[in-house]
Protein backbone atom coordinates (compact mmCIF):
# COMPACT_ATOMS: atom_id res chain seq x y z
CA MET A 1 0.00 0.00 0.00
CA SER A 2 1.19 3.49 -0.76
CA GLU A 3 1.06 5.59 2.38
CA SER A 4 -1.51 8.37 2.61
CA ILE A 5 0.18 11.75 3.02
CA GLN A 6 -1.68 14.49 4.82
CA MET A 7 -0.88 17.22 7.30
CA GLN A 8 -4.03 16.69 9.35
CA GLY A 9 -4.94 13.19 10.43
CA PRO A 10 -5.89 10.82 13.26
CA VAL A 11 -2.75 11.71 15.19
CA CYS A 12 -1.76 14.11 17.91
CA PRO A 13 1.84 14.20 16.70
CA ILE A 14 4.79 14.32 19.03
CA PRO A 15 7.28 16.56 17.18
CA LEU A 16 10.18 14.62 15.71
CA ARG A 17 13.53 15.95 16.85
CA HIS A 18 16.17 16.80 14.25
CA ASN A 19 18.56 14.26 15.78
CA GLU A 20 15.95 11.51 16.09
CA ARG A 21 16.61 8.23 14.27
CA ILE A 22 14.28 6.03 12.26
CA VAL A 23 13.00 2.95 14.09
CA ILE A 24 11.07 -0.05 12.82
CA GLY A 25 7.78 1.42 14.04
CA HIS A 26 8.05 4.22 11.49
CA GLY A 27 7.20 1.60 8.86
CA SER A 28 4.08 0.28 10.59
CA GLY A 29 1.51 2.25 8.61
CA GLY A 30 0.13 3.54 11.93
CA LYS A 31 0.61 6.65 14.06
CA MET A 32 4.40 6.69 13.83
CA THR A 33 4.27 6.45 10.04
CA HIS A 34 1.77 9.29 9.86
CA ASP A 35 3.94 11.48 12.08
CA LEU A 36 7.00 10.76 9.92
CA ILE A 37 5.13 11.60 6.72
CA ALA A 38 3.48 14.75 8.04
CA GLN A 39 6.52 16.18 9.78
CA VAL A 40 9.44 15.03 7.63
CA PHE A 41 8.28 14.22 4.08
CA GLN A 42 5.31 16.56 3.69
CA PRO A 43 7.16 19.89 4.07
CA TYR A 44 9.41 19.00 1.13
CA PHE A 45 6.84 17.53 -1.28
CA SER A 46 3.57 19.31 -0.47
CA ASN A 47 1.16 19.77 -3.42
CA PRO A 48 -2.62 19.37 -3.91
CA ALA A 49 -2.50 15.85 -5.36
CA LEU A 50 -0.28 14.61 -2.54
CA ASN A 51 -2.11 16.47 0.21
CA ALA A 52 -5.45 14.80 -0.62
CA GLY A 53 -4.31 11.94 1.61
CA ASN A 54 -5.26 8.98 -0.59
CA ASP A 55 -3.22 5.95 -1.66
CA PHE A 56 -3.12 7.42 -5.16
CA ALA A 57 -2.68 10.78 -6.84
CA ASP A 58 -5.54 11.98 -9.06
CA VAL A 59 -3.95 14.16 -11.75
CA ASN A 60 -5.28 15.69 -14.97
CA PRO A 61 -2.37 16.66 -17.24
CA ASP A 62 -3.91 16.07 -20.66
CA GLY A 63 -7.66 16.28 -20.21
CA HIS A 64 -7.76 12.74 -18.84
CA ARG A 65 -7.86 11.80 -15.16
CA TRP A 66 -4.86 9.65 -14.35
CA ALA A 67 -4.40 7.79 -11.08
CA ILE A 68 -0.74 7.33 -10.13
CA THR A 69 0.70 5.37 -7.23
CA THR A 70 4.00 3.88 -6.06
CA ASP A 71 4.94 1.22 -3.54
CA SER A 72 7.96 -0.67 -2.21
CA HIS A 73 7.96 -4.31 -1.11
CA ILE A 74 10.33 -5.79 1.48
CA VAL A 75 8.41 -8.82 2.72
CA GLN A 76 10.26 -11.58 4.57
CA PRO A 77 10.22 -14.42 3.63
CA LEU A 78 10.05 -13.90 -0.12
CA PHE A 79 7.61 -16.82 -0.51
CA PHE A 80 4.68 -17.52 1.81
CA PRO A 81 1.45 -19.56 1.63
CA GLY A 82 -0.77 -18.04 -1.02
CA GLY A 83 1.78 -15.67 -2.51
CA ASP A 84 5.25 -14.19 -2.77
CA ILE A 85 6.96 -10.82 -3.09
CA GLY A 86 6.30 -10.70 -6.83
CA ARG A 87 2.55 -11.27 -6.66
CA LEU A 88 2.41 -8.89 -3.71
CA ALA A 89 4.18 -6.14 -5.67
CA VAL A 90 1.82 -6.32 -8.63
CA CYS A 91 -1.41 -6.76 -6.67
CA GLY A 92 -0.61 -4.09 -4.10
CA THR A 93 0.03 -1.50 -6.80
CA VAL A 94 -2.99 -2.51 -8.89
CA ASN A 95 -5.19 -2.23 -5.80
CA ASP A 96 -3.93 1.23 -4.88
CA LEU A 97 -4.96 2.35 -8.37
CA ALA A 98 -8.28 0.52 -8.36
CA VAL A 99 -9.49 2.08 -5.08
CA SER A 100 -9.45 5.44 -6.88
CA GLY A 101 -12.03 4.04 -9.30
CA ALA A 102 -9.33 3.91 -11.98
CA ARG A 103 -8.83 1.10 -14.46
CA PRO A 104 -5.19 0.06 -13.96
CA LEU A 105 -3.18 -0.06 -17.19
CA TYR A 106 0.58 0.13 -16.68
CA LEU A 107 3.16 -0.72 -14.03
CA THR A 108 6.88 -0.13 -13.67
CA ALA A 109 9.12 -2.34 -11.57
CA GLY A 110 12.48 -1.63 -9.95
CA PHE A 111 14.55 -4.44 -8.43
CA ILE A 112 17.25 -4.21 -5.77
CA LEU A 113 19.06 -7.55 -5.83
CA GLU A 114 21.46 -8.75 -3.19
CA GLU A 115 24.73 -10.30 -4.32
CA GLY A 116 24.34 -14.07 -4.03
CA LEU A 117 20.63 -14.23 -4.82
CA GLU A 118 19.91 -17.38 -6.82
CA VAL A 119 18.81 -16.64 -10.38
CA ALA A 120 16.21 -19.40 -10.03
CA VAL A 121 14.63 -17.48 -7.12
CA LEU A 122 14.51 -14.30 -9.19
CA GLN A 123 12.94 -16.16 -12.11
CA ARG A 124 10.30 -17.64 -9.84
CA VAL A 125 9.40 -14.15 -8.58
CA LEU A 126 9.30 -12.73 -12.12
CA ASP A 127 7.00 -15.52 -13.30
CA SER A 128 4.68 -14.78 -10.39
CA MET A 129 4.65 -11.11 -11.35
CA ARG A 130 3.84 -12.04 -14.95
CA LEU A 131 0.90 -14.18 -13.90
CA ALA A 132 -0.45 -11.54 -11.51
CA ALA A 133 -0.18 -8.84 -14.18
CA GLU A 134 -2.04 -11.04 -16.63
CA GLU A 135 -4.79 -11.67 -14.09
CA ALA A 136 -5.12 -7.93 -13.40
CA GLY A 137 -4.96 -7.01 -17.10
CA VAL A 138 -1.97 -4.67 -16.76
CA ASN A 139 1.39 -4.47 -18.53
CA ILE A 140 4.77 -3.96 -16.87
CA VAL A 141 6.23 -1.42 -19.29
CA ALA A 142 9.47 -0.22 -17.68
CA GLY A 143 11.92 -1.24 -15.00
CA ASP A 144 15.32 -0.92 -13.39
CA THR A 145 17.78 -3.25 -11.70
CA LYS A 146 20.45 -2.57 -9.10
CA VAL A 147 22.72 -5.01 -7.25
CA VAL A 148 24.09 -4.37 -3.76
CA GLU A 149 26.74 -6.17 -1.74
CA LYS A 150 25.89 -9.34 0.15
CA GLY A 151 24.16 -8.54 3.41
CA LYS A 152 22.78 -5.19 2.21
CA ALA A 153 19.34 -6.11 0.83
CA ASP A 154 18.15 -9.39 2.36
CA GLY A 155 17.74 -11.07 -1.01
CA LEU A 156 15.34 -8.93 -3.01
CA PHE A 157 13.42 -5.66 -2.72
CA ILE A 158 10.91 -4.50 -5.36
CA ASN A 159 9.57 -1.02 -6.04
CA THR A 160 6.58 -0.56 -8.32
CA ALA A 161 4.68 2.38 -9.78
CA GLY A 162 1.23 2.18 -11.34
CA PHE A 163 -0.82 4.22 -13.79
CA GLY A 164 -4.53 3.99 -14.55
CA LEU A 165 -7.33 6.05 -16.08
CA ILE A 166 -10.31 7.18 -14.00
CA PRO A 167 -13.54 7.06 -16.04
CA ALA A 168 -15.49 10.28 -16.35
CA GLY A 169 -17.95 10.86 -13.53
CA ARG A 170 -16.27 8.69 -10.89
CA GLN A 171 -15.61 10.56 -7.67
CA ILE A 172 -14.13 8.18 -5.10
CA SER A 173 -11.94 9.48 -2.29
CA GLY A 174 -11.29 9.09 1.41
CA GLN A 175 -12.81 12.55 1.85
CA MET A 176 -16.28 11.51 0.64
CA ALA A 177 -17.72 9.33 3.43
CA ALA A 178 -21.04 10.82 4.54
CA PRO A 179 -23.31 10.26 7.56
CA GLY A 180 -25.77 7.49 6.81
CA ASP A 181 -23.38 5.58 4.57
CA ALA A 182 -22.93 1.84 5.05
CA VAL A 183 -19.49 0.28 5.62
CA LEU A 184 -18.73 -3.05 3.90
CA ILE A 185 -15.71 -5.38 3.90
CA SER A 186 -15.07 -7.93 1.17
CA GLY A 187 -13.94 -10.77 3.44
CA SER A 188 -12.03 -12.01 6.47
CA LEU A 189 -9.43 -9.94 8.32
CA GLY A 190 -5.74 -10.63 8.89
CA ASP A 191 -5.17 -13.53 6.48
CA HIS A 192 -2.04 -12.04 4.91
CA ALA A 193 -0.34 -11.17 8.19
CA ALA A 194 -1.12 -14.60 9.63
CA ALA A 195 0.24 -16.40 6.54
CA VAL A 196 3.51 -14.45 6.54
CA LEU A 197 3.90 -14.89 10.28
CA THR A 198 3.52 -18.67 10.11
CA ALA A 199 5.86 -18.85 7.08
CA ARG A 200 8.64 -17.34 9.17
CA GLY A 201 8.58 -20.36 11.45
CA GLU A 202 9.56 -18.31 14.48
CA MET A 203 6.49 -18.95 16.61
CA GLY A 204 6.75 -22.69 17.06
CA PHE A 205 3.43 -23.56 15.43
CA ASP A 206 2.11 -24.39 11.98
CA ALA A 207 -1.24 -23.01 10.84
CA GLN A 208 -3.16 -23.77 7.67
CA ILE A 209 -3.73 -20.24 6.42
CA GLU A 210 -2.98 -18.60 3.08
CA SER A 211 -2.42 -14.96 2.25
CA ASP A 212 -5.34 -13.19 0.59
CA VAL A 213 -3.04 -11.32 -1.84
CA ALA A 214 -5.07 -10.66 -5.01
CA PRO A 215 -5.79 -7.96 -7.61
CA LEU A 216 -9.08 -6.29 -6.74
CA ASN A 217 -9.77 -4.26 -9.90
CA GLY A 218 -12.24 -6.84 -11.26
CA LEU A 219 -14.12 -6.91 -7.96
CA ILE A 220 -14.21 -3.11 -7.87
CA GLU A 221 -15.59 -2.85 -11.41
CA ALA A 222 -18.38 -5.29 -10.52
CA LEU A 223 -19.16 -3.30 -7.37
CA LEU A 224 -19.25 0.06 -9.16
CA GLU A 225 -21.56 -1.25 -11.84
CA ALA A 226 -24.05 -2.24 -9.14
CA ALA A 227 -23.41 0.69 -6.79
CA PRO A 228 -22.22 3.60 -8.95
CA ASP A 229 -22.51 6.17 -6.15
CA THR A 230 -19.88 4.48 -3.97
CA HIS A 231 -18.05 7.15 -1.97
CA VAL A 232 -14.89 5.50 -0.60
CA LEU A 233 -12.80 2.46 -1.47
CA ARG A 234 -9.66 1.44 0.39
CA ASP A 235 -7.54 -1.71 0.72
CA PRO A 236 -6.67 -2.17 4.41
CA THR A 237 -3.03 -3.26 4.27
CA ARG A 238 -0.45 -2.28 6.90
CA GLY A 239 -2.16 -1.15 10.08
CA GLY A 240 -5.20 -3.23 9.19
CA LEU A 241 -8.86 -2.29 9.11
CA ALA A 242 -8.69 -0.16 12.25
CA THR A 243 -6.00 2.17 10.91
CA THR A 244 -7.64 2.41 7.48
CA LEU A 245 -11.00 3.43 8.94
CA ASN A 246 -9.35 6.02 11.19
CA GLU A 247 -7.69 7.55 8.14
CA ILE A 248 -11.05 7.75 6.36
CA ALA A 249 -12.82 9.16 9.41
CA TRP A 250 -10.32 11.99 9.59
CA GLN A 251 -10.29 12.67 5.86
CA SER A 252 -14.11 12.91 5.82
CA GLN A 253 -14.53 14.38 9.32
CA VAL A 254 -17.04 11.73 10.37
CA ASN A 255 -17.45 9.00 12.93
CA ILE A 256 -17.54 5.34 11.89
CA LEU A 257 -19.46 2.89 14.07
CA LEU A 258 -18.63 -0.82 13.68
CA GLN A 259 -20.56 -3.86 14.86
CA GLU A 260 -18.18 -6.30 16.54
CA ASN A 261 -20.36 -9.33 15.85
CA GLN A 262 -20.23 -8.61 12.10
CA LEU A 263 -16.44 -8.54 11.71
CA PRO A 264 -15.32 -11.59 9.69
CA VAL A 265 -12.28 -13.41 11.13
CA LYS A 266 -11.29 -16.98 10.30
CA PRO A 267 -10.95 -19.24 13.36
CA VAL A 268 -7.29 -19.99 12.60
CA VAL A 269 -6.46 -16.27 12.44
CA GLN A 270 -8.35 -15.60 15.65
CA SER A 271 -6.44 -18.44 17.35
CA ILE A 272 -3.10 -16.97 16.26
CA CYS A 273 -4.15 -13.56 17.54
CA ASP A 274 -5.31 -15.02 20.86
CA MET A 275 -1.99 -16.83 21.35
CA LEU A 276 0.14 -13.79 20.51
CA GLY A 277 -2.02 -11.03 21.96
CA PHE A 278 -2.81 -9.48 18.56
CA ASP A 279 -6.06 -7.94 17.36
CA PRO A 280 -7.28 -8.95 13.87
CA MET A 281 -8.41 -5.35 13.37
CA TYR A 282 -4.74 -4.33 13.12
CA MET A 283 -3.49 -7.26 11.03
CA ALA A 284 -2.42 -6.63 7.43
CA ASN A 285 -4.55 -7.70 4.46
CA GLU A 286 -3.52 -7.74 0.79
CA GLY A 287 -6.73 -8.80 -0.95
CA LYS A 288 -9.54 -7.16 0.98
CA LEU A 289 -11.63 -4.13 0.15
CA VAL A 290 -13.30 -1.57 2.40
CA VAL A 291 -16.36 0.01 0.78
CA ILE A 292 -18.30 3.04 2.03
CA LEU A 293 -21.43 3.79 0.03
CA PRO A 294 -24.98 5.14 0.39
CA ALA A 295 -27.05 2.81 2.54
CA GLU A 296 -29.67 2.40 -0.18
CA GLN A 297 -27.03 0.86 -2.46
CA ALA A 298 -25.52 -1.43 0.18
CA GLU A 299 -27.49 -4.57 -0.69
CA ALA A 300 -26.79 -4.19 -4.41
CA GLY A 301 -23.12 -3.65 -3.63
CA LEU A 302 -22.95 -6.71 -1.40
CA ALA A 303 -24.64 -8.88 -4.02
CA ALA A 304 -22.19 -7.74 -6.68
CA MET A 305 -19.19 -8.36 -4.42
CA ARG A 306 -20.43 -11.80 -3.39
CA SER A 307 -20.75 -12.77 -7.05
CA HIS A 308 -16.98 -12.26 -7.50
CA PRO A 309 -14.41 -14.83 -6.27
CA TYR A 310 -12.57 -12.20 -4.22
CA GLY A 311 -15.71 -10.88 -2.56
CA ARG A 312 -17.81 -13.96 -1.87
CA ASP A 313 -17.59 -13.42 1.92
CA ALA A 314 -18.46 -9.72 1.81
CA VAL A 315 -20.46 -8.38 4.78
CA ARG A 316 -21.79 -5.11 6.14
CA ILE A 317 -19.82 -4.16 9.25
CA GLY A 318 -20.99 -0.69 10.22
CA GLN A 319 -22.15 2.76 9.33
CA VAL A 320 -20.96 6.34 9.07
CA GLU A 321 -22.26 8.88 11.60
CA PRO A 322 -21.73 12.59 12.18
CA PRO A 323 -19.13 13.42 14.84
CA ARG A 324 -20.48 14.57 18.16
CA ALA A 325 -20.33 18.30 18.78
CA GLY A 326 -16.87 19.30 19.97
CA ASP A 327 -15.39 15.83 19.40
CA GLN A 328 -12.74 14.80 16.92
CA PRO A 329 -13.65 12.20 14.28
CA ARG A 330 -13.23 8.67 15.57
CA VAL A 331 -13.92 4.99 14.95
CA LEU A 332 -16.13 3.27 17.50
CA MET A 333 -17.07 -0.38 18.06
CA ARG A 334 -20.43 -1.62 19.33
CA THR A 335 -19.32 -4.68 21.29
CA GLU A 336 -21.10 -8.02 21.47
CA ILE A 337 -22.23 -7.27 25.03
CA GLY A 338 -23.78 -3.96 24.02
CA GLY A 339 -21.07 -1.51 25.05
CA THR A 340 -19.13 0.91 22.86
CA ARG A 341 -15.36 1.24 22.74
CA LEU A 342 -12.88 3.41 20.87
CA VAL A 343 -10.93 1.83 17.98
CA ASP A 344 -7.70 3.79 17.57
CA MET A 345 -4.99 3.68 14.93
CA LEU A 346 -2.14 1.21 15.23
CA ALA A 347 0.32 2.76 17.67
CA GLY A 348 3.54 0.90 16.81
CA GLU A 349 4.63 -2.13 14.78
CA ILE A 350 3.03 -5.56 15.13
CA LEU A 351 4.80 -7.42 12.33
CA PRO A 352 7.66 -5.73 10.45
CA ARG A 353 8.52 -6.75 6.87
CA ILE A 354 4.95 -7.86 6.18
CA CYS A 355 4.56 -6.33 2.72
């Protein structure tokens, strides 16, 4: 996922000192990442397209609306149940384009190879990228390769950029959630994080779980045909569903109320979270879609999503509400016992090197 860049967000930032050093938590996609972006990157690169705070830039250089995004991939291990760094690179970039409402067309790919990497490993990754690009209907049209000394890159890093065209009339952005809207999710939470975690073999258990990594542009086209007034689309990657919804709440200046008993979590993922003290709400996904749309189009949207292989387990999980007078936008959870609790952004790093 490309990180949203915005000066205002779901953070009360602690100013970064000039002599402060980067730590692993700055790559979490949560509060520390937002502080780093807002306080360090934003002052140098500020412009309207960037400041919109989405995972894509919506630009109009030639009379057409282009969506542009970029992403870097440092997952460890390179291969995991259900996917690998190559499929992840293509799908993650396609999805960041597709959530703008764009039809993804072209990708670029840059490779940082570590001295000693087996050519057979590289070829396996490239074949996976080819297959994922074919599935998504995009072409990889440019690239670059660099090699660094042994011990400097942990095998293979991939950077991708993506370009797609936004059809006339589509207005989809994190700033467009409105009170009364329904909140949908295309399937179960945390599958990608759980698959990568078990593939590392560091936890002393083996779980039968596969990553959900997938290109979502076909699912999104089916959804938008059935629910053309959809307001917000987002793929909840690093930081999970909780962080993604907090970003949207702040962009749109609304509250989002979730129903705990509607959140879809596979038993194996819940068991892993219970053992390790994790919350599936903060676990990374790489093939799930958050949809915020007018309530009157929710059933049509759900039916369209459920008709697609990547959305067959889609459910309605909540609604958008106006913020209370004097309060900041927030995400709230109606618990199974009838209470309400605050759902904050991810504070630090749960699983580094997850995507």
